[in-house]
Amino acid sequence: MSVIIVLILASLTVGLIFLGAFIWSVRSGQYEDTLTPSMRMLCDDVVMPNDLPKAGGDAAPRPASEETKNGR
């Protein structure tokens, strides 16, 4: 009979841990943007290695040239 009490206490502890993790994730904004991840796969933005900014340089990528836009 004491095993049942231990199992109930263990399951309540695990449940409270998961509830706390869920509340923390909601408060920290994990579920705020639900549209962008599903739309991200529809975008046809291919980042070329030479379009990435160099270390220590500007943070914004360079605009794509006509060759990059045409897929060449």
Foldseek 3Di string as FASTA:
>chain_A
DVVVVVVVVVVVVVVVVVVVVVVVCVVVPVPVDPPVVVCVVVDPDDDDPQQQDDPPDDRHGDDDDPCVVVPD
